[in-house]
Amino acid sequence: MKSEAKTVEEYLQELPEDRKETISKVRDIILQNLPKGYEEVMNWGMITYQVPLEYYPDTYNKKPLMYAALASQKNHMAVYLSGIYINEETQKQFETAYKATGKKYNVGKSCVRFKKLEDLPLQLIEKNIALLEMEEYVRQVKEMRSKK
């Protein structure tokens, strides 16, 4: 369900009431824990938290580097956590911590899928949103790409 909304407010307004409430709560958690420098915008049809091009213009696709995102899909909602997939160690730590919460481990490529707020391990999401300062994230991305 890719949205054509131009602003976060437009995006939220087009959601069904139950999803609007859930997405808004997760958005609040993201905004409360998001390190300084990242910007919240609509990109790729979802609410995106990204590195501004003014800070890091040298991306492979000439688009801002996504750190996290939040979306309402057809059959679920999703939090995208690009920062945890920057290296295998962080990814394994996330998976272990997620499974330890007792919640169903429902992940896709860089995303955690959920149907209702109670399905999401909120403290783990908070921790992983706060994980990387923007400068450190960009440094790790550059390092990863130089190895390829």
C-alpha atoms as a PDB file:
ATOM      1  CA  MET A   1       0.000   0.000   0.000  1.00  0.00           C
ATOM      2  CA  LYS A   2       2.296   2.742  -1.206  1.00  0.00           C
ATOM      3  CA  SER A   3       0.945   6.124  -0.243  1.00  0.00           C
ATOM      4  CA  GLU A   4       1.021   9.208  -2.435  1.00  0.00           C
ATOM      5  CA  ALA A   5       0.784  11.503   0.603  1.00  0.00           C
ATOM      6  CA  LYS A   6       3.183  14.436   0.493  1.00  0.00           C
ATOM      7  CA  THR A   7       3.291  15.030   4.256  1.00  0.00           C
ATOM      8  CA  VAL A   8       3.230  12.867   7.352  1.00  0.00           C
ATOM      9  CA  GLU A   9      -0.037  14.506   8.388  1.00  0.00           C
ATOM     10  CA  GLU A  10      -1.641  13.603   5.030  1.00  0.00           C
ATOM     11  CA  TYR A  11      -0.385  10.035   5.421  1.00  0.00           C
ATOM     12  CA  LEU A  12      -1.877   9.705   8.894  1.00  0.00           C
ATOM     13  CA  GLN A  13      -5.201  11.172   7.764  1.00  0.00           C
ATOM     14  CA  GLU A  14      -5.610   8.568   5.014  1.00  0.00           C
ATOM     15  CA  LEU A  15      -5.227   5.645   7.442  1.00  0.00           C
ATOM     16  CA  PRO A  16      -8.174   3.802   9.010  1.00  0.00           C
ATOM     17  CA  GLU A  17      -8.744   5.041  12.583  1.00  0.00           C
ATOM     18  CA  ASP A  18      -7.261   1.983  14.344  1.00  0.00           C
ATOM     19  CA  ARG A  19      -4.102   2.067  12.247  1.00  0.00           C
ATOM     20  CA  LYS A  20      -3.813   5.845  12.547  1.00  0.00           C
ATOM     21  CA  GLU A  21      -3.778   5.493  16.340  1.00  0.00           C
ATOM     22  CA  THR A  22      -1.194   2.688  16.285  1.00  0.00           C
ATOM     23  CA  ILE A  23       1.078   4.325  13.700  1.00  0.00           C
ATOM     24  CA  SER A  24       0.866   7.627  15.608  1.00  0.00           C
ATOM     25  CA  LYS A  25       1.932   5.931  18.859  1.00  0.00           C
ATOM     26  CA  VAL A  26       4.883   4.201  17.193  1.00  0.00           C
ATOM     27  CA  ARG A  27       5.793   7.478  15.478  1.00  0.00           C
ATOM     28  CA  ASP A  28       5.840   9.233  18.860  1.00  0.00           C
ATOM     29  CA  ILE A  29       8.205   6.562  20.206  1.00  0.00           C
ATOM     30  CA  ILE A  30      10.475   6.970  17.190  1.00  0.00           C
ATOM     31  CA  LEU A  31      10.534  10.755  17.481  1.00  0.00           C
ATOM     32  CA  GLN A  32      11.276  10.593  21.227  1.00  0.00           C
ATOM     33  CA  ASN A  33      14.279   8.307  20.629  1.00  0.00           C
ATOM     34  CA  LEU A  34      15.583   9.446  17.250  1.00  0.00           C
ATOM     35  CA  PRO A  35      19.105  10.879  17.477  1.00  0.00           C
ATOM     36  CA  LYS A  36      19.621  14.457  16.310  1.00  0.00           C
ATOM     37  CA  GLY A  37      20.160  15.201  12.643  1.00  0.00           C
ATOM     38  CA  TYR A  38      17.822  12.700  11.050  1.00  0.00           C
ATOM     39  CA  GLU A  39      14.818  14.219   9.307  1.00  0.00           C
ATOM     40  CA  GLU A  40      11.245  12.941   9.248  1.00  0.00           C
ATOM     41  CA  VAL A  41       9.743  13.051   5.749  1.00  0.00           C
ATOM     42  CA  MET A  42       7.495  11.128   3.418  1.00  0.00           C
ATOM     43  CA  ASN A  43       9.679   9.038   1.144  1.00  0.00           C
ATOM     44  CA  TRP A  44       9.116   5.731  -0.652  1.00  0.00           C
ATOM     45  CA  GLY A  45       5.414   6.004   0.260  1.00  0.00           C
ATOM     46  CA  MET A  46       6.021   5.807   4.008  1.00  0.00           C
ATOM     47  CA  ILE A  47       7.081   7.928   6.973  1.00  0.00           C
ATOM     48  CA  THR A  48      10.851   7.929   6.683  1.00  0.00           C
ATOM     49  CA  TYR A  49      13.639   8.965   9.046  1.00  0.00           C
ATOM     50  CA  GLN A  50      16.642   9.734   6.915  1.00  0.00           C
ATOM     51  CA  VAL A  51      20.030  11.360   6.672  1.00  0.00           C
ATOM     52  CA  PRO A  52      19.572  14.651   4.809  1.00  0.00           C
ATOM     53  CA  LEU A  53      21.275  14.758   1.400  1.00  0.00           C
ATOM     54  CA  GLU A  54      22.980  17.969   2.497  1.00  0.00           C
ATOM     55  CA  TYR A  55      24.850  15.914   5.110  1.00  0.00           C
ATOM     56  CA  TYR A  56      25.533  12.794   3.038  1.00  0.00           C
ATOM     57  CA  PRO A  57      24.916  13.245  -0.711  1.00  0.00           C
ATOM     58  CA  ASP A  58      27.134  10.337  -1.858  1.00  0.00           C
ATOM     59  CA  THR A  59      24.496   7.599  -1.766  1.00  0.00           C
ATOM     60  CA  TYR A  60      24.398   4.807  -4.328  1.00  0.00           C
ATOM     61  CA  ASN A  61      20.978   5.914  -5.635  1.00  0.00           C
ATOM     62  CA  LYS A  62      21.346   9.688  -5.062  1.00  0.00           C
ATOM     63  CA  LYS A  63      18.437   9.551  -2.587  1.00  0.00           C
ATOM     64  CA  PRO A  64      18.686  10.246   1.148  1.00  0.00           C
ATOM     65  CA  LEU A  65      20.007   7.400   3.265  1.00  0.00           C
ATOM     66  CA  MET A  66      17.132   5.806   5.180  1.00  0.00           C
ATOM     67  CA  TYR A  67      17.751   5.081   8.860  1.00  0.00           C
ATOM     68  CA  ALA A  68      14.225   3.989   9.812  1.00  0.00           C
ATOM     69  CA  ALA A  69      10.683   4.121   8.475  1.00  0.00           C
ATOM     70  CA  LEU A  70       7.117   3.449   9.489  1.00  0.00           C
ATOM     71  CA  ALA A  71       4.414   2.141   7.176  1.00  0.00           C
ATOM     72  CA  SER A  72       0.916   0.768   6.993  1.00  0.00           C
ATOM     73  CA  GLN A  73       0.919  -2.077   4.480  1.00  0.00           C
ATOM     74  CA  LYS A  74      -2.008  -4.084   3.126  1.00  0.00           C
ATOM     75  CA  ASN A  75      -1.917  -6.884   5.724  1.00  0.00           C
ATOM     76  CA  HIS A  76       0.253  -5.405   8.468  1.00  0.00           C
ATOM     77  CA  MET A  77       2.127  -2.368   9.736  1.00  0.00           C
ATOM     78  CA  ALA A  78       5.915  -2.228   9.744  1.00  0.00           C
ATOM     79  CA  VAL A  79       8.835  -0.459  11.348  1.00  0.00           C
ATOM     80  CA  TYR A  80      11.915  -0.445   9.121  1.00  0.00           C
ATOM     81  CA  LEU A  81      15.188  -0.422  11.056  1.00  0.00           C
ATOM     82  CA  SER A  82      18.003  -0.044   8.547  1.00  0.00           C
ATOM     83  CA  GLY A  83      20.444   0.789  11.335  1.00  0.00           C
ATOM     84  CA  ILE A  84      20.357  -2.716  12.806  1.00  0.00           C
ATOM     85  CA  TYR A  85      21.137  -4.337   9.482  1.00  0.00           C
ATOM     86  CA  ILE A  86      24.346  -2.378   9.032  1.00  0.00           C
ATOM     87  CA  ASN A  87      26.320  -5.282  10.443  1.00  0.00           C
ATOM     88  CA  GLU A  88      25.690  -8.929  11.250  1.00  0.00           C
ATOM     89  CA  GLU A  89      26.488  -8.577  14.956  1.00  0.00           C
ATOM     90  CA  THR A  90      23.844  -5.889  15.522  1.00  0.00           C
ATOM     91  CA  GLN A  91      21.321  -7.905  13.553  1.00  0.00           C
ATOM     92  CA  LYS A  92      21.957 -11.025  15.687  1.00  0.00           C
ATOM     93  CA  GLN A  93      21.694  -9.007  18.902  1.00  0.00           C
ATOM     94  CA  PHE A  94      18.371  -7.585  17.764  1.00  0.00           C
ATOM     95  CA  GLU A  95      17.009 -11.027  16.866  1.00  0.00           C
ATOM     96  CA  THR A  96      18.076 -12.503  20.214  1.00  0.00           C
ATOM     97  CA  ALA A  97      16.614  -9.586  22.184  1.00  0.00           C
ATOM     98  CA  TYR A  98      13.407  -9.682  20.144  1.00  0.00           C
ATOM     99  CA  LYS A  99      12.865 -13.401  20.727  1.00  0.00           C
ATOM    100  CA  ALA A 100      13.560 -12.911  24.451  1.00  0.00           C
ATOM    101  CA  THR A 101      10.510 -10.607  24.654  1.00  0.00           C
ATOM    102  CA  GLY A 102       8.228 -13.562  23.951  1.00  0.00           C
ATOM    103  CA  LYS A 103       6.555 -11.717  21.101  1.00  0.00           C
ATOM    104  CA  LYS A 104       6.208 -13.362  17.699  1.00  0.00           C
ATOM    105  CA  TYR A 105       9.368 -12.716  15.680  1.00  0.00           C
ATOM    106  CA  ASN A 106       7.834 -11.412  12.459  1.00  0.00           C
ATOM    107  CA  VAL A 107      10.482  -9.683  10.385  1.00  0.00           C
ATOM    108  CA  GLY A 108      11.169  -9.066   6.743  1.00  0.00           C
ATOM    109  CA  LYS A 109      14.026  -7.396   4.933  1.00  0.00           C
ATOM    110  CA  SER A 110      14.960  -4.635   7.417  1.00  0.00           C
ATOM    111  CA  CYS A 111      11.456  -4.470   8.877  1.00  0.00           C
ATOM    112  CA  VAL A 112       9.496  -5.641  11.879  1.00  0.00           C
ATOM    113  CA  ARG A 113       5.907  -6.478  10.964  1.00  0.00           C
ATOM    114  CA  PHE A 114       3.018  -6.136  13.402  1.00  0.00           C
ATOM    115  CA  LYS A 115      -0.783  -6.108  13.334  1.00  0.00           C
ATOM    116  CA  LYS A 116      -1.396  -4.271  16.594  1.00  0.00           C
ATOM    117  CA  LEU A 117       0.669  -2.237  19.027  1.00  0.00           C
ATOM    118  CA  GLU A 118       0.794  -5.092  21.552  1.00  0.00           C
ATOM    119  CA  ASP A 119       2.653  -7.242  18.975  1.00  0.00           C
ATOM    120  CA  LEU A 120       5.596  -4.849  18.912  1.00  0.00           C
ATOM    121  CA  PRO A 121       8.408  -4.981  21.507  1.00  0.00           C
ATOM    122  CA  LEU A 122       8.349  -1.221  22.099  1.00  0.00           C
ATOM    123  CA  GLN A 123      11.367  -1.023  24.430  1.00  0.00           C
ATOM    124  CA  LEU A 124      13.472  -2.865  21.862  1.00  0.00           C
ATOM    125  CA  ILE A 125      12.268  -0.515  19.120  1.00  0.00           C
ATOM    126  CA  GLU A 126      13.145   2.489  21.324  1.00  0.00           C
ATOM    127  CA  LYS A 127      16.619   1.102  21.982  1.00  0.00           C
ATOM    128  CA  ASN A 128      17.315   0.423  18.327  1.00  0.00           C
ATOM    129  CA  ILE A 129      16.020   3.769  17.106  1.00  0.00           C
ATOM    130  CA  ALA A 130      18.393   5.456  19.579  1.00  0.00           C
ATOM    131  CA  LEU A 131      21.245   3.101  18.639  1.00  0.00           C
ATOM    132  CA  LEU A 132      23.181   5.160  16.096  1.00  0.00           C
ATOM    133  CA  GLU A 133      23.912   8.850  16.022  1.00  0.00           C
ATOM    134  CA  MET A 134      23.647  10.090  12.441  1.00  0.00           C
ATOM    135  CA  GLU A 135      27.401  10.595  12.051  1.00  0.00           C
ATOM    136  CA  GLU A 136      28.114   7.042  13.249  1.00  0.00           C
ATOM    137  CA  TYR A 137      25.453   5.574  10.959  1.00  0.00           C
ATOM    138  CA  VAL A 138      26.931   7.331   7.928  1.00  0.00           C
ATOM    139  CA  ARG A 139      30.437   6.201   8.943  1.00  0.00           C
ATOM    140  CA  GLN A 140      29.285   2.581   9.172  1.00  0.00           C
ATOM    141  CA  VAL A 141      27.462   2.786   5.839  1.00  0.00           C
ATOM    142  CA  LYS A 142      30.595   4.156   4.160  1.00  0.00           C
ATOM    143  CA  GLU A 143      32.706   1.421   5.758  1.00  0.00           C
ATOM    144  CA  MET A 144      30.280  -1.306   4.676  1.00  0.00           C
ATOM    145  CA  ARG A 145      30.158  -0.024   1.099  1.00  0.00           C
ATOM    146  CA  SER A 146      33.938   0.254   0.858  1.00  0.00           C
ATOM    147  CA  LYS A 147      34.195  -3.474   1.667  1.00  0.00           C
ATOM    148  CA  LYS A 148      31.948  -4.440  -1.256  1.00  0.00           C
END
